[in-house]
Amino acid sequence: MLLADAAVSSVAAVALGIAATGSVANVLAVFGVWAATSGAAQLVTALRRRAQLGNQWPMLLAGGLSIVAGIAYTILSASKAPRLMPLVIYTVTGGIEFVIQAWLLARRRHRLAQPGGPVLSAS
């Protein structure tokens, strides 16, 4: 899943570079498709992780919001005067989500490393 995400993100980076030579609408359209696609992948990953790691609410929320944002950016790209400001909001909330997810994973890893801590099955 990580390799597929890296491949999609690499293609998106090249497409954004090309779109940036055009209009704001082009950038929003490419970013919107990438956000929706990566959000869907994030949702699938979170649902799979729930079985092994338990609740994945930050990743589920972020994936769902990415899908919604991607659709919104695609719609905004067709408006008369598209703006890039919504991308700033998306990146800030995405950064906050990654910090929360990293903190939760570090906390879970610390608990598992403690003697007598919970044990996850390998299945």
PDB file of N, CA and C in Angstrom:
ATOM      1  N   MET A   1       0.829  -1.196   0.000  1.00  0.00           N
ATOM      2  CA  MET A   1       0.000   0.000   0.000  1.00  0.00           C
ATOM      3  C   MET A   1       0.870   1.255   0.000  1.00  0.00           C
ATOM      4  N   LEU A   2       1.975   1.226   0.743  1.00  0.00           N
ATOM      5  CA  LEU A   2       2.851   2.392   0.783  1.00  0.00           C
ATOM      6  C   LEU A   2       3.489   2.668  -0.574  1.00  0.00           C
ATOM      7  N   LEU A   3       3.869   1.613  -1.282  1.00  0.00           N
ATOM      8  CA  LEU A   3       4.461   1.803  -2.607  1.00  0.00           C
ATOM      9  C   LEU A   3       3.455   2.403  -3.583  1.00  0.00           C
ATOM     10  N   ALA A   4       2.225   1.946  -3.509  1.00  0.00           N
ATOM     11  CA  ALA A   4       1.181   2.503  -4.376  1.00  0.00           C
ATOM     12  C   ALA A   4       0.942   3.971  -4.048  1.00  0.00           C
ATOM     13  N   ASP A   5       0.923   4.303  -2.757  1.00  0.00           N
ATOM     14  CA  ASP A   5       0.736   5.690  -2.339  1.00  0.00           C
ATOM     15  C   ASP A   5       1.895   6.558  -2.814  1.00  0.00           C
ATOM     16  N   ALA A   6       3.110   6.037  -2.698  1.00  0.00           N
ATOM     17  CA  ALA A   6       4.282   6.782  -3.164  1.00  0.00           C
ATOM     18  C   ALA A   6       4.220   7.003  -4.672  1.00  0.00           C
ATOM     19  N   ALA A   7       3.787   5.999  -5.404  1.00  0.00           N
ATOM     20  CA  ALA A   7       3.678   6.131  -6.859  1.00  0.00           C
ATOM     21  C   ALA A   7       2.627   7.171  -7.239  1.00  0.00           C
ATOM     22  N   VAL A   8       1.464   7.103  -6.598  1.00  0.00           N
ATOM     23  CA  VAL A   8       0.393   8.071  -6.882  1.00  0.00           C
ATOM     24  C   VAL A   8       0.849   9.483  -6.526  1.00  0.00           C
ATOM     25  N   SER A   9       1.516   9.625  -5.387  1.00  0.00           N
ATOM     26  CA  SER A   9       1.992  10.946  -4.971  1.00  0.00           C
ATOM     27  C   SER A   9       3.067  11.477  -5.912  1.00  0.00           C
ATOM     28  N   SER A  10       3.921  10.606  -6.424  1.00  0.00           N
ATOM     29  CA  SER A  10       4.946  11.035  -7.380  1.00  0.00           C
ATOM     30  C   SER A  10       4.316  11.530  -8.679  1.00  0.00           C
ATOM     31  N   VAL A  11       3.338  10.788  -9.166  1.00  0.00           N
ATOM     32  CA  VAL A  11       2.624  11.207 -10.373  1.00  0.00           C
ATOM     33  C   VAL A  11       1.912  12.540 -10.108  1.00  0.00           C
ATOM     34  N   ALA A  12       1.306  12.671  -8.925  1.00  0.00           N
ATOM     35  CA  ALA A  12       0.610  13.912  -8.574  1.00  0.00           C
ATOM     36  C   ALA A  12       1.580  15.087  -8.511  1.00  0.00           C
ATOM     37  N   ALA A  13       2.779  14.869  -7.976  1.00  0.00           N
ATOM     38  CA  ALA A  13       3.770  15.946  -7.894  1.00  0.00           C
ATOM     39  C   ALA A  13       4.167  16.426  -9.286  1.00  0.00           C
ATOM     40  N   VAL A  14       4.390  15.508 -10.200  1.00  0.00           N
ATOM     41  CA  VAL A  14       4.731  15.881 -11.580  1.00  0.00           C
ATOM     42  C   VAL A  14       3.546  16.607 -12.216  1.00  0.00           C
ATOM     43  N   ALA A  15       2.351  16.074 -12.030  1.00  0.00           N
ATOM     44  CA  ALA A  15       1.150  16.702 -12.607  1.00  0.00           C
ATOM     45  C   ALA A  15       0.939  18.097 -12.037  1.00  0.00           C
ATOM     46  N   LEU A  16       1.191  18.274 -10.734  1.00  0.00           N
ATOM     47  CA  LEU A  16       1.058  19.613 -10.138  1.00  0.00           C
ATOM     48  C   LEU A  16       2.088  20.575 -10.705  1.00  0.00           C
ATOM     49  N   GLY A  17       3.293  20.075 -10.928  1.00  0.00           N
ATOM     50  CA  GLY A  17       4.320  20.916 -11.543  1.00  0.00           C
ATOM     51  C   GLY A  17       3.899  21.394 -12.922  1.00  0.00           C
ATOM     52  N   ILE A  18       3.325  20.495 -13.686  1.00  0.00           N
ATOM     53  CA  ILE A  18       2.841  20.866 -15.024  1.00  0.00           C
ATOM     54  C   ILE A  18       1.645  21.810 -14.908  1.00  0.00           C
ATOM     55  N   ALA A  19       0.712  21.490 -13.998  1.00  0.00           N
ATOM     56  CA  ALA A  19      -0.483  22.326 -13.816  1.00  0.00           C
ATOM     57  C   ALA A  19      -0.121  23.734 -13.350  1.00  0.00           C
ATOM     58  N   ALA A  20       0.953  23.854 -12.569  1.00  0.00           N
ATOM     59  CA  ALA A  20       1.356  25.161 -12.044  1.00  0.00           C
ATOM     60  C   ALA A  20       1.821  26.108 -13.151  1.00  0.00           C
ATOM     61  N   THR A  21       2.186  25.563 -14.289  1.00  0.00           N
ATOM     62  CA  THR A  21       2.566  26.429 -15.408  1.00  0.00           C
ATOM     63  C   THR A  21       1.331  26.985 -16.118  1.00  0.00           C
ATOM     64  N   GLY A  22       0.164  26.479 -15.748  1.00  0.00           N
ATOM     65  CA  GLY A  22      -1.094  26.930 -16.351  1.00  0.00           C
ATOM     66  C   GLY A  22      -1.838  27.868 -15.423  1.00  0.00           C
ATOM     67  N   SER A  23      -3.003  27.424 -14.992  1.00  0.00           N
ATOM     68  CA  SER A  23      -3.875  28.289 -14.200  1.00  0.00           C
ATOM     69  C   SER A  23      -4.103  27.727 -12.796  1.00  0.00           C
ATOM     70  N   VAL A  24      -4.685  28.554 -11.955  1.00  0.00           N
ATOM     71  CA  VAL A  24      -5.079  28.125 -10.612  1.00  0.00           C
ATOM     72  C   VAL A  24      -6.096  26.994 -10.715  1.00  0.00           C
ATOM     73  N   ALA A  25      -6.975  27.073 -11.688  1.00  0.00           N
ATOM     74  CA  ALA A  25      -7.983  26.024 -11.883  1.00  0.00           C
ATOM     75  C   ALA A  25      -7.308  24.679 -12.161  1.00  0.00           C
ATOM     76  N   ASN A  26      -6.254  24.686 -12.954  1.00  0.00           N
ATOM     77  CA  ASN A  26      -5.537  23.441 -13.236  1.00  0.00           C
ATOM     78  C   ASN A  26      -4.935  22.849 -11.960  1.00  0.00           C
ATOM     79  N   VAL A  27      -4.339  23.700 -11.147  1.00  0.00           N
ATOM     80  CA  VAL A  27      -3.733  23.245  -9.889  1.00  0.00           C
ATOM     81  C   VAL A  27      -4.807  22.658  -8.977  1.00  0.00           C
ATOM     82  N   LEU A  28      -5.929  23.347  -8.844  1.00  0.00           N
ATOM     83  CA  LEU A  28      -7.007  22.844  -7.991  1.00  0.00           C
ATOM     84  C   LEU A  28      -7.556  21.512  -8.495  1.00  0.00           C
ATOM     85  N   ALA A  29      -7.690  21.373  -9.793  1.00  0.00           N
ATOM     86  CA  ALA A  29      -8.221  20.126 -10.352  1.00  0.00           C
ATOM     87  C   ALA A  29      -7.273  18.959 -10.076  1.00  0.00           C
ATOM     88  N   VAL A  30      -5.991  19.154 -10.332  1.00  0.00           N
ATOM     89  CA  VAL A  30      -5.016  18.080 -10.096  1.00  0.00           C
ATOM     90  C   VAL A  30      -4.940  17.758  -8.611  1.00  0.00           C
ATOM     91  N   PHE A  31      -4.879  18.784  -7.782  1.00  0.00           N
ATOM     92  CA  PHE A  31      -4.811  18.559  -6.342  1.00  0.00           C
ATOM     93  C   PHE A  31      -6.075  17.870  -5.847  1.00  0.00           C
ATOM     94  N   GLY A  32      -7.207  18.237  -6.392  1.00  0.00           N
ATOM     95  CA  GLY A  32      -8.467  17.620  -5.990  1.00  0.00           C
ATOM     96  C   GLY A  32      -8.506  16.136  -6.297  1.00  0.00           C
ATOM     97  N   VAL A  33      -8.049  15.763  -7.475  1.00  0.00           N
ATOM     98  CA  VAL A  33      -8.026  14.342  -7.835  1.00  0.00           C
ATOM     99  C   VAL A  33      -7.061  13.600  -6.913  1.00  0.00           C
ATOM    100  N   TRP A  34      -5.890  14.189  -6.666  1.00  0.00           N
ATOM    101  CA  TRP A  34      -4.915  13.543  -5.772  1.00  0.00           C
ATOM    102  C   TRP A  34      -5.482  13.405  -4.356  1.00  0.00           C
ATOM    103  N   ALA A  35      -6.096  14.459  -3.826  1.00  0.00           N
ATOM    104  CA  ALA A  35      -6.626  14.419  -2.457  1.00  0.00           C
ATOM    105  C   ALA A  35      -7.703  13.347  -2.321  1.00  0.00           C
ATOM    106  N   ALA A  36      -8.594  13.260  -3.278  1.00  0.00           N
ATOM    107  CA  ALA A  36      -9.658  12.244  -3.217  1.00  0.00           C
ATOM    108  C   ALA A  36      -9.078  10.836  -3.323  1.00  0.00           C
ATOM    109  N   THR A  37      -8.118  10.642  -4.207  1.00  0.00           N
ATOM    110  CA  THR A  37      -7.506   9.327  -4.391  1.00  0.00           C
ATOM    111  C   THR A  37      -6.721   8.912  -3.147  1.00  0.00           C
ATOM    112  N   SER A  38      -5.904   9.814  -2.628  1.00  0.00           N
ATOM    113  CA  SER A  38      -5.113   9.466  -1.441  1.00  0.00           C
ATOM    114  C   SER A  38      -6.007   9.316  -0.211  1.00  0.00           C
ATOM    115  N   GLY A  39      -7.088  10.064  -0.144  1.00  0.00           N
ATOM    116  CA  GLY A  39      -8.038   9.918   0.959  1.00  0.00           C
ATOM    117  C   GLY A  39      -8.702   8.551   0.954  1.00  0.00           C
ATOM    118  N   ALA A  40      -9.058   8.083  -0.242  1.00  0.00           N
ATOM    119  CA  ALA A  40      -9.660   6.751  -0.352  1.00  0.00           C
ATOM    120  C   ALA A  40      -8.664   5.675   0.077  1.00  0.00           C
ATOM    121  N   ALA A  41      -7.413   5.813  -0.332  1.00  0.00           N
ATOM    122  CA  ALA A  41      -6.377   4.856   0.081  1.00  0.00           C
ATOM    123  C   ALA A  41      -6.167   4.897   1.594  1.00  0.00           C
ATOM    124  N   GLN A  42      -6.225   6.083   2.159  1.00  0.00           N
ATOM    125  CA  GLN A  42      -6.061   6.238   3.607  1.00  0.00           C
ATOM    126  C   GLN A  42      -7.210   5.568   4.354  1.00  0.00           C
ATOM    127  N   LEU A  43      -8.415   5.708   3.848  1.00  0.00           N
ATOM    128  CA  LEU A  43      -9.563   5.042   4.473  1.00  0.00           C
ATOM    129  C   LEU A  43      -9.411   3.527   4.446  1.00  0.00           C
ATOM    130  N   VAL A  44      -9.002   2.995   3.309  1.00  0.00           N
ATOM    131  CA  VAL A  44      -8.807   1.545   3.193  1.00  0.00           C
ATOM    132  C   VAL A  44      -7.740   1.074   4.178  1.00  0.00           C
ATOM    133  N   THR A  45      -6.628   1.803   4.258  1.00  0.00           N
ATOM    134  CA  THR A  45      -5.547   1.446   5.188  1.00  0.00           C
ATOM    135  C   THR A  45      -6.028   1.502   6.625  1.00  0.00           C
ATOM    136  N   ALA A  46      -6.765   2.538   6.978  1.00  0.00           N
ATOM    137  CA  ALA A  46      -7.265   2.672   8.351  1.00  0.00           C
ATOM    138  C   ALA A  46      -8.214   1.541   8.711  1.00  0.00           C
ATOM    139  N   LEU A  47      -9.074   1.170   7.784  1.00  0.00           N
ATOM    140  CA  LEU A  47     -10.012   0.074   8.057  1.00  0.00           C
ATOM    141  C   LEU A  47      -9.276  -1.252   8.239  1.00  0.00           C
ATOM    142  N   ARG A  48      -8.229  -1.465   7.462  1.00  0.00           N
ATOM    143  CA  ARG A  48      -7.431  -2.686   7.628  1.00  0.00           C
ATOM    144  C   ARG A  48      -6.662  -2.678   8.949  1.00  0.00           C
ATOM    145  N   ARG A  49      -6.143  -1.523   9.333  1.00  0.00           N
ATOM    146  CA  ARG A  49      -5.372  -1.427  10.584  1.00  0.00           C
ATOM    147  C   ARG A  49      -6.242  -1.605  11.821  1.00  0.00           C
ATOM    148  N   ARG A  50      -7.504  -1.253  11.720  1.00  0.00           N
ATOM    149  CA  ARG A  50      -8.392  -1.366  12.890  1.00  0.00           C
ATOM    150  C   ARG A  50      -8.405  -2.780  13.433  1.00  0.00           C
ATOM    151  N   ALA A  51      -8.355  -3.765  12.558  1.00  0.00           N
ATOM    152  CA  ALA A  51      -8.395  -5.164  12.987  1.00  0.00           C
ATOM    153  C   ALA A  51      -7.160  -5.525  13.813  1.00  0.00           C
ATOM    154  N   GLN A  52      -6.009  -4.962  13.475  1.00  0.00           N
ATOM    155  CA  GLN A  52      -4.774  -5.302  14.172  1.00  0.00           C
ATOM    156  C   GLN A  52      -4.414  -4.324  15.278  1.00  0.00           C
ATOM    157  N   LEU A  53      -4.633  -3.045  15.047  1.00  0.00           N
ATOM    158  CA  LEU A  53      -4.158  -2.017  15.979  1.00  0.00           C
ATOM    159  C   LEU A  53      -5.260  -1.330  16.763  1.00  0.00           C
ATOM    160  N   GLY A  54      -6.486  -1.648  16.478  1.00  0.00           N
ATOM    161  CA  GLY A  54      -7.576  -0.988  17.187  1.00  0.00           C
ATOM    162  C   GLY A  54      -8.020   0.278  16.478  1.00  0.00           C
ATOM    163  N   ASN A  55      -8.659   1.123  17.219  1.00  0.00           N
ATOM    164  CA  ASN A  55      -9.274   2.335  16.690  1.00  0.00           C
ATOM    165  C   ASN A  55      -8.282   3.191  15.906  1.00  0.00           C
ATOM    166  N   GLN A  56      -8.648   3.611  14.740  1.00  0.00           N
ATOM    167  CA  GLN A  56      -7.814   4.433  13.857  1.00  0.00           C
ATOM    168  C   GLN A  56      -8.532   5.733  13.505  1.00  0.00           C
ATOM    169  N   TRP A  57      -9.189   6.350  14.487  1.00  0.00           N
ATOM    170  CA  TRP A  57     -10.033   7.497  14.199  1.00  0.00           C
ATOM    171  C   TRP A  57      -9.320   8.655  13.513  1.00  0.00           C
ATOM    172  N   PRO A  58      -8.074   9.002  13.863  1.00  0.00           N
ATOM    173  CA  PRO A  58      -7.463  10.124  13.132  1.00  0.00           C
ATOM    174  C   PRO A  58      -7.286   9.825  11.645  1.00  0.00           C
ATOM    175  N   MET A  59      -6.877   8.598  11.331  1.00  0.00           N
ATOM    176  CA  MET A  59      -6.674   8.248   9.933  1.00  0.00           C
ATOM    177  C   MET A  59      -8.006   8.130   9.192  1.00  0.00           C
ATOM    178  N   LEU A  60      -9.016   7.588   9.852  1.00  0.00           N
ATOM    179  CA  LEU A  60     -10.343   7.511   9.242  1.00  0.00           C
ATOM    180  C   LEU A  60     -10.882   8.908   8.950  1.00  0.00           C
ATOM    181  N   LEU A  61     -10.745   9.792   9.906  1.00  0.00           N
ATOM    182  CA  LEU A  61     -11.212  11.170   9.746  1.00  0.00           C
ATOM    183  C   LEU A  61     -10.443  11.878   8.638  1.00  0.00           C
ATOM    184  N   ALA A  62      -9.130  11.732   8.647  1.00  0.00           N
ATOM    185  CA  ALA A  62      -8.311  12.394   7.628  1.00  0.00           C
ATOM    186  C   ALA A  62      -8.623  11.864   6.232  1.00  0.00           C
ATOM    187  N   GLY A  63      -8.802  10.557   6.105  1.00  0.00           N
ATOM    188  CA  GLY A  63      -9.139   9.986   4.801  1.00  0.00           C
ATOM    189  C   GLY A  63     -10.477  10.497   4.291  1.00  0.00           C
ATOM    190  N   GLY A  64     -11.462  10.509   5.170  1.00  0.00           N
ATOM    191  CA  GLY A  64     -12.779  11.019   4.778  1.00  0.00           C
ATOM    192  C   GLY A  64     -12.739  12.484   4.391  1.00  0.00           C
ATOM    193  N   LEU A  65     -12.016  13.272   5.181  1.00  0.00           N
ATOM    194  CA  LEU A  65     -11.905  14.703   4.866  1.00  0.00           C
ATOM    195  C   LEU A  65     -11.136  14.933   3.566  1.00  0.00           C
ATOM    196  N   SER A  66     -10.149  14.098   3.285  1.00  0.00           N
ATOM    197  CA  SER A  66      -9.408  14.235   2.030  1.00  0.00           C
ATOM    198  C   SER A  66     -10.313  13.967   0.829  1.00  0.00           C
ATOM    199  N   ILE A  67     -11.169  12.989   0.964  1.00  0.00           N
ATOM    200  CA  ILE A  67     -12.104  12.704  -0.127  1.00  0.00           C
ATOM    201  C   ILE A  67     -13.034  13.891  -0.349  1.00  0.00           C
ATOM    202  N   VAL A  68     -13.595  14.402   0.733  1.00  0.00           N
ATOM    203  CA  VAL A  68     -14.503  15.554   0.629  1.00  0.00           C
ATOM    204  C   VAL A  68     -13.766  16.766   0.063  1.00  0.00           C
ATOM    205  N   ALA A  69     -12.555  17.029   0.569  1.00  0.00           N
ATOM    206  CA  ALA A  69     -11.775  18.173   0.085  1.00  0.00           C
ATOM    207  C   ALA A  69     -11.431  18.001  -1.388  1.00  0.00           C
ATOM    208  N   GLY A  70     -11.058  16.785  -1.786  1.00  0.00           N
ATOM    209  CA  GLY A  70     -10.726  16.537  -3.182  1.00  0.00           C
ATOM    210  C   GLY A  70     -11.892  16.832  -4.110  1.00  0.00           C
ATOM    211  N   ILE A  71     -13.060  16.408  -3.702  1.00  0.00           N
ATOM    212  CA  ILE A  71     -14.255  16.687  -4.501  1.00  0.00           C
ATOM    213  C   ILE A  71     -14.514  18.193  -4.537  1.00  0.00           C
ATOM    214  N   ALA A  72     -14.361  18.850  -3.388  1.00  0.00           N
ATOM    215  CA  ALA A  72     -14.580  20.303  -3.322  1.00  0.00           C
ATOM    216  C   ALA A  72     -13.591  21.058  -4.208  1.00  0.00           C
ATOM    217  N   TYR A  73     -12.310  20.659  -4.188  1.00  0.00           N
ATOM    218  CA  TYR A  73     -11.312  21.331  -5.026  1.00  0.00           C
ATOM    219  C   TYR A  73     -11.607  21.127  -6.508  1.00  0.00           C
ATOM    220  N   THR A  74     -12.059  19.951  -6.853  1.00  0.00           N
ATOM    221  CA  THR A  74     -12.391  19.689  -8.242  1.00  0.00           C
ATOM    222  C   THR A  74     -13.555  20.573  -8.679  1.00  0.00           C
ATOM    223  N   ILE A  75     -14.547  20.717  -7.810  1.00  0.00           N
ATOM    224  CA  ILE A  75     -15.682  21.607  -8.109  1.00  0.00           C
ATOM    225  C   ILE A  75     -15.221  23.059  -8.173  1.00  0.00           C
ATOM    226  N   LEU A  76     -14.373  23.469  -7.203  1.00  0.00           N
ATOM    227  CA  LEU A  76     -13.867  24.849  -7.190  1.00  0.00           C
ATOM    228  C   LEU A  76     -13.050  25.177  -8.436  1.00  0.00           C
ATOM    229  N   SER A  77     -12.381  24.177  -8.990  1.00  0.00           N
ATOM    230  CA  SER A  77     -11.559  24.429 -10.173  1.00  0.00           C
ATOM    231  C   SER A  77     -12.402  24.888 -11.362  1.00  0.00           C
ATOM    232  N   ALA A  78     -13.674  24.553 -11.342  1.00  0.00           N
ATOM    233  CA  ALA A  78     -14.569  24.944 -12.437  1.00  0.00           C
ATOM    234  C   ALA A  78     -15.259  26.278 -12.188  1.00  0.00           C
ATOM    235  N   SER A  79     -15.007  26.896 -11.028  1.00  0.00           N
ATOM    236  CA  SER A  79     -15.671  28.169 -10.725  1.00  0.00           C
ATOM    237  C   SER A  79     -15.044  29.304 -11.544  1.00  0.00           C
ATOM    238  N   LYS A  80     -15.701  30.444 -11.533  1.00  0.00           N
ATOM    239  CA  LYS A  80     -15.246  31.595 -12.334  1.00  0.00           C
ATOM    240  C   LYS A  80     -13.925  32.166 -11.835  1.00  0.00           C
ATOM    241  N   ALA A  81     -13.721  32.181 -10.515  1.00  0.00           N
ATOM    242  CA  ALA A  81     -12.494  32.760  -9.953  1.00  0.00           C
ATOM    243  C   ALA A  81     -11.913  31.830  -8.888  1.00  0.00           C
ATOM    244  N   PRO A  82     -11.317  30.710  -9.308  1.00  0.00           N
ATOM    245  CA  PRO A  82     -10.766  29.772  -8.322  1.00  0.00           C
ATOM    246  C   PRO A  82      -9.597  30.384  -7.557  1.00  0.00           C
ATOM    247  N   ARG A  83      -9.493  30.028  -6.278  1.00  0.00           N
ATOM    248  CA  ARG A  83      -8.426  30.534  -5.415  1.00  0.00           C
ATOM    249  C   ARG A  83      -7.706  29.354  -4.769  1.00  0.00           C
ATOM    250  N   LEU A  84      -6.453  29.595  -4.378  1.00  0.00           N
ATOM    251  CA  LEU A  84      -5.651  28.551  -3.752  1.00  0.00           C
ATOM    252  C   LEU A  84      -5.763  28.525  -2.225  1.00  0.00           C
ATOM    253  N   MET A  85      -6.419  29.485  -1.612  1.00  0.00           N
ATOM    254  CA  MET A  85      -6.516  29.555  -0.150  1.00  0.00           C
ATOM    255  C   MET A  85      -7.046  28.260   0.485  1.00  0.00           C
ATOM    256  N   PRO A  86      -8.019  27.576  -0.102  1.00  0.00           N
ATOM    257  CA  PRO A  86      -8.473  26.330   0.522  1.00  0.00           C
ATOM    258  C   PRO A  86      -7.352  25.283   0.672  1.00  0.00           C
ATOM    259  N   LEU A  87      -6.343  25.350  -0.195  1.00  0.00           N
ATOM    260  CA  LEU A  87      -5.227  24.408  -0.073  1.00  0.00           C
ATOM    261  C   LEU A  87      -4.429  24.651   1.196  1.00  0.00           C
ATOM    262  N   VAL A  88      -4.342  25.894   1.627  1.00  0.00           N
ATOM    263  CA  VAL A  88      -3.625  26.224   2.865  1.00  0.00           C
ATOM    264  C   VAL A  88      -4.323  25.561   4.047  1.00  0.00           C
ATOM    265  N   ILE A  89      -5.632  25.663   4.087  1.00  0.00           N
ATOM    266  CA  ILE A  89      -6.408  25.055   5.172  1.00  0.00           C
ATOM    267  C   ILE A  89      -6.212  23.542   5.168  1.00  0.00           C
ATOM    268  N   TYR A  90      -6.235  22.944   3.982  1.00  0.00           N
ATOM    269  CA  TYR A  90      -6.053  21.493   3.846  1.00  0.00           C
ATOM    270  C   TYR A  90      -4.683  21.067   4.367  1.00  0.00           C
ATOM    271  N   THR A  91      -3.644  21.788   3.995  1.00  0.00           N
ATOM    272  CA  THR A  91      -2.301  21.399   4.417  1.00  0.00           C
ATOM    273  C   THR A  91      -2.093  21.571   5.911  1.00  0.00           C
ATOM    274  N   VAL A  92      -2.655  22.615   6.496  1.00  0.00           N
ATOM    275  CA  VAL A  92      -2.526  22.814   7.941  1.00  0.00           C
ATOM    276  C   VAL A  92      -3.241  21.699   8.701  1.00  0.00           C
ATOM    277  N   THR A  93      -4.471  21.394   8.307  1.00  0.00           N
ATOM    278  CA  THR A  93      -5.192  20.327   9.010  1.00  0.00           C
ATOM    279  C   THR A  93      -4.531  18.974   8.773  1.00  0.00           C
ATOM    280  N   GLY A  94      -3.980  18.750   7.589  1.00  0.00           N
ATOM    281  CA  GLY A  94      -3.253  17.512   7.320  1.00  0.00           C
ATOM    282  C   GLY A  94      -2.015  17.385   8.190  1.00  0.00           C
ATOM    283  N   GLY A  95      -1.297  18.474   8.364  1.00  0.00           N
ATOM    284  CA  GLY A  95      -0.124  18.458   9.236  1.00  0.00           C
ATOM    285  C   GLY A  95      -0.492  18.152  10.681  1.00  0.00           C
ATOM    286  N   ILE A  96      -1.573  18.744  11.146  1.00  0.00           N
ATOM    287  CA  ILE A  96      -2.036  18.476  12.515  1.00  0.00           C
ATOM    288  C   ILE A  96      -2.428  17.012  12.659  1.00  0.00           C
ATOM    289  N   GLU A  97      -3.106  16.464  11.658  1.00  0.00           N
ATOM    290  CA  GLU A  97      -3.512  15.054  11.701  1.00  0.00           C
ATOM    291  C   GLU A  97      -2.298  14.145  11.772  1.00  0.00           C
ATOM    292  N   PHE A  98      -1.253  14.447  11.001  1.00  0.00           N
ATOM    293  CA  PHE A  98      -0.055  13.608  11.030  1.00  0.00           C
ATOM    294  C   PHE A  98       0.626  13.658  12.388  1.00  0.00           C
ATOM    295  N   VAL A  99       0.655  14.811  13.020  1.00  0.00           N
ATOM    296  CA  VAL A  99       1.243  14.924  14.360  1.00  0.00           C
ATOM    297  C   VAL A  99       0.441  14.099  15.366  1.00  0.00           C
ATOM    298  N   ILE A 100      -0.878  14.185  15.302  1.00  0.00           N
ATOM    299  CA  ILE A 100      -1.730  13.404  16.210  1.00  0.00           C
ATOM    300  C   ILE A 100      -1.528  11.909  15.975  1.00  0.00           C
ATOM    301  N   GLN A 101      -1.501  11.490  14.711  1.00  0.00           N
ATOM    302  CA  GLN A 101      -1.316  10.081  14.388  1.00  0.00           C
ATOM    303  C   GLN A 101       0.044   9.581  14.881  1.00  0.00           C
ATOM    304  N   ALA A 102       1.092  10.360  14.687  1.00  0.00           N
ATOM    305  CA  ALA A 102       2.423   9.961  15.160  1.00  0.00           C
ATOM    306  C   ALA A 102       2.447   9.845  16.672  1.00  0.00           C
ATOM    307  N   TRP A 103       1.811  10.774  17.363  1.00  0.00           N
ATOM    308  CA  TRP A 103       1.770  10.727  18.825  1.00  0.00           C
ATOM    309  C   TRP A 103       1.022   9.486  19.308  1.00  0.00           C
ATOM    310  N   LEU A 104      -0.118   9.190  18.683  1.00  0.00           N
ATOM    311  CA  LEU A 104      -0.887   8.012  19.077  1.00  0.00           C
ATOM    312  C   LEU A 104      -0.116   6.722  18.814  1.00  0.00           C
ATOM    313  N   LEU A 105       0.569   6.644  17.687  1.00  0.00           N
ATOM    314  CA  LEU A 105       1.356   5.443  17.395  1.00  0.00           C
ATOM    315  C   LEU A 105       2.534   5.294  18.354  1.00  0.00           C
ATOM    316  N   ALA A 106       3.191   6.403  18.679  1.00  0.00           N
ATOM    317  CA  ALA A 106       4.305   6.351  19.643  1.00  0.00           C
ATOM    318  C   ALA A 106       3.797   5.923  21.011  1.00  0.00           C
ATOM    319  N   ARG A 107       2.651   6.423  21.411  1.00  0.00           N
ATOM    320  CA  ARG A 107       2.068   6.050  22.702  1.00  0.00           C
ATOM    321  C   ARG A 107       1.716   4.568  22.724  1.00  0.00           C
ATOM    322  N   ARG A 108       1.133   4.081  21.643  1.00  0.00           N
ATOM    323  CA  ARG A 108       0.780   2.662  21.557  1.00  0.00           C
ATOM    324  C   ARG A 108       2.038   1.790  21.583  1.00  0.00           C
ATOM    325  N   ARG A 109       3.073   2.199  20.856  1.00  0.00           N
ATOM    326  CA  ARG A 109       4.319   1.447  20.833  1.00  0.00           C
ATOM    327  C   ARG A 109       4.960   1.425  22.220  1.00  0.00           C
ATOM    328  N   HIS A 110       4.900   2.540  22.928  1.00  0.00           N
ATOM    329  CA  HIS A 110       5.444   2.611  24.284  1.00  0.00           C
ATOM    330  C   HIS A 110       4.694   1.663  25.226  1.00  0.00           C
ATOM    331  N   ARG A 111       3.378   1.628  25.105  1.00  0.00           N
ATOM    332  CA  ARG A 111       2.572   0.716  25.935  1.00  0.00           C
ATOM    333  C   ARG A 111       2.899  -0.741  25.648  1.00  0.00           C
ATOM    334  N   LEU A 112       3.092  -1.072  24.374  1.00  0.00           N
ATOM    335  CA  LEU A 112       3.407  -2.446  24.011  1.00  0.00           C
ATOM    336  C   LEU A 112       4.791  -2.859  24.496  1.00  0.00           C
ATOM    337  N   ALA A 113       5.692  -1.917  24.608  1.00  0.00           N
ATOM    338  CA  ALA A 113       7.053  -2.219  25.051  1.00  0.00           C
ATOM    339  C   ALA A 113       7.135  -2.391  26.565  1.00  0.00           C
ATOM    340  N   GLN A 114       6.155  -1.913  27.301  1.00  0.00           N
ATOM    341  CA  GLN A 114       6.140  -2.030  28.760  1.00  0.00           C
ATOM    342  C   GLN A 114       5.943  -3.486  29.169  1.00  0.00           C
ATOM    343  N   PRO A 115       6.638  -3.948  30.218  1.00  0.00           N
ATOM    344  CA  PRO A 115       6.374  -5.300  30.724  1.00  0.00           C
ATOM    345  C   PRO A 115       4.918  -5.410  31.175  1.00  0.00           C
ATOM    346  N   GLY A 116       4.260  -6.460  30.754  1.00  0.00           N
ATOM    347  CA  GLY A 116       2.869  -6.669  31.131  1.00  0.00           C
ATOM    348  C   GLY A 116       1.892  -5.843  30.302  1.00  0.00           C
ATOM    349  N   GLY A 117       2.433  -5.172  29.252  1.00  0.00           N
ATOM    350  CA  GLY A 117       1.571  -4.370  28.374  1.00  0.00           C
ATOM    351  C   GLY A 117       0.726  -5.268  27.489  1.00  0.00           C
ATOM    352  N   PRO A 118      -0.237  -4.712  26.803  1.00  0.00           N
ATOM    353  CA  PRO A 118      -1.100  -5.512  25.942  1.00  0.00           C
ATOM    354  C   PRO A 118      -0.288  -6.160  24.829  1.00  0.00           C
ATOM    355  N   VAL A 119      -0.741  -7.319  24.403  1.00  0.00           N
ATOM    356  CA  VAL A 119      -0.078  -8.058  23.342  1.00  0.00           C
ATOM    357  C   VAL A 119      -1.035  -8.152  22.167  1.00  0.00           C
ATOM    358  N   LEU A 120      -0.542  -7.772  20.997  1.00  0.00           N
ATOM    359  CA  LEU A 120      -1.351  -7.885  19.788  1.00  0.00           C
ATOM    360  C   LEU A 120      -1.033  -9.200  19.110  1.00  0.00           C
ATOM    361  N   SER A 121      -2.051  -9.847  18.602  1.00  0.00           N
ATOM    362  CA  SER A 121      -1.826 -11.117  17.906  1.00  0.00           C
ATOM    363  C   SER A 121      -1.205 -10.844  16.544  1.00  0.00           C
ATOM    364  N   ALA A 122      -0.465 -11.803  16.054  1.00  0.00           N
ATOM    365  CA  ALA A 122       0.209 -11.656  14.765  1.00  0.00           C
ATOM    366  C   ALA A 122      -0.718 -12.008  13.605  1.00  0.00           C
ATOM    367  N   SER A 123      -1.904 -12.471  13.864  1.00  0.00           N
ATOM    368  CA  SER A 123      -2.789 -12.880  12.765  1.00  0.00           C
ATOM    369  C   SER A 123      -3.482 -11.724  12.123  1.00  0.00           C
TER     370      SER A 123
END
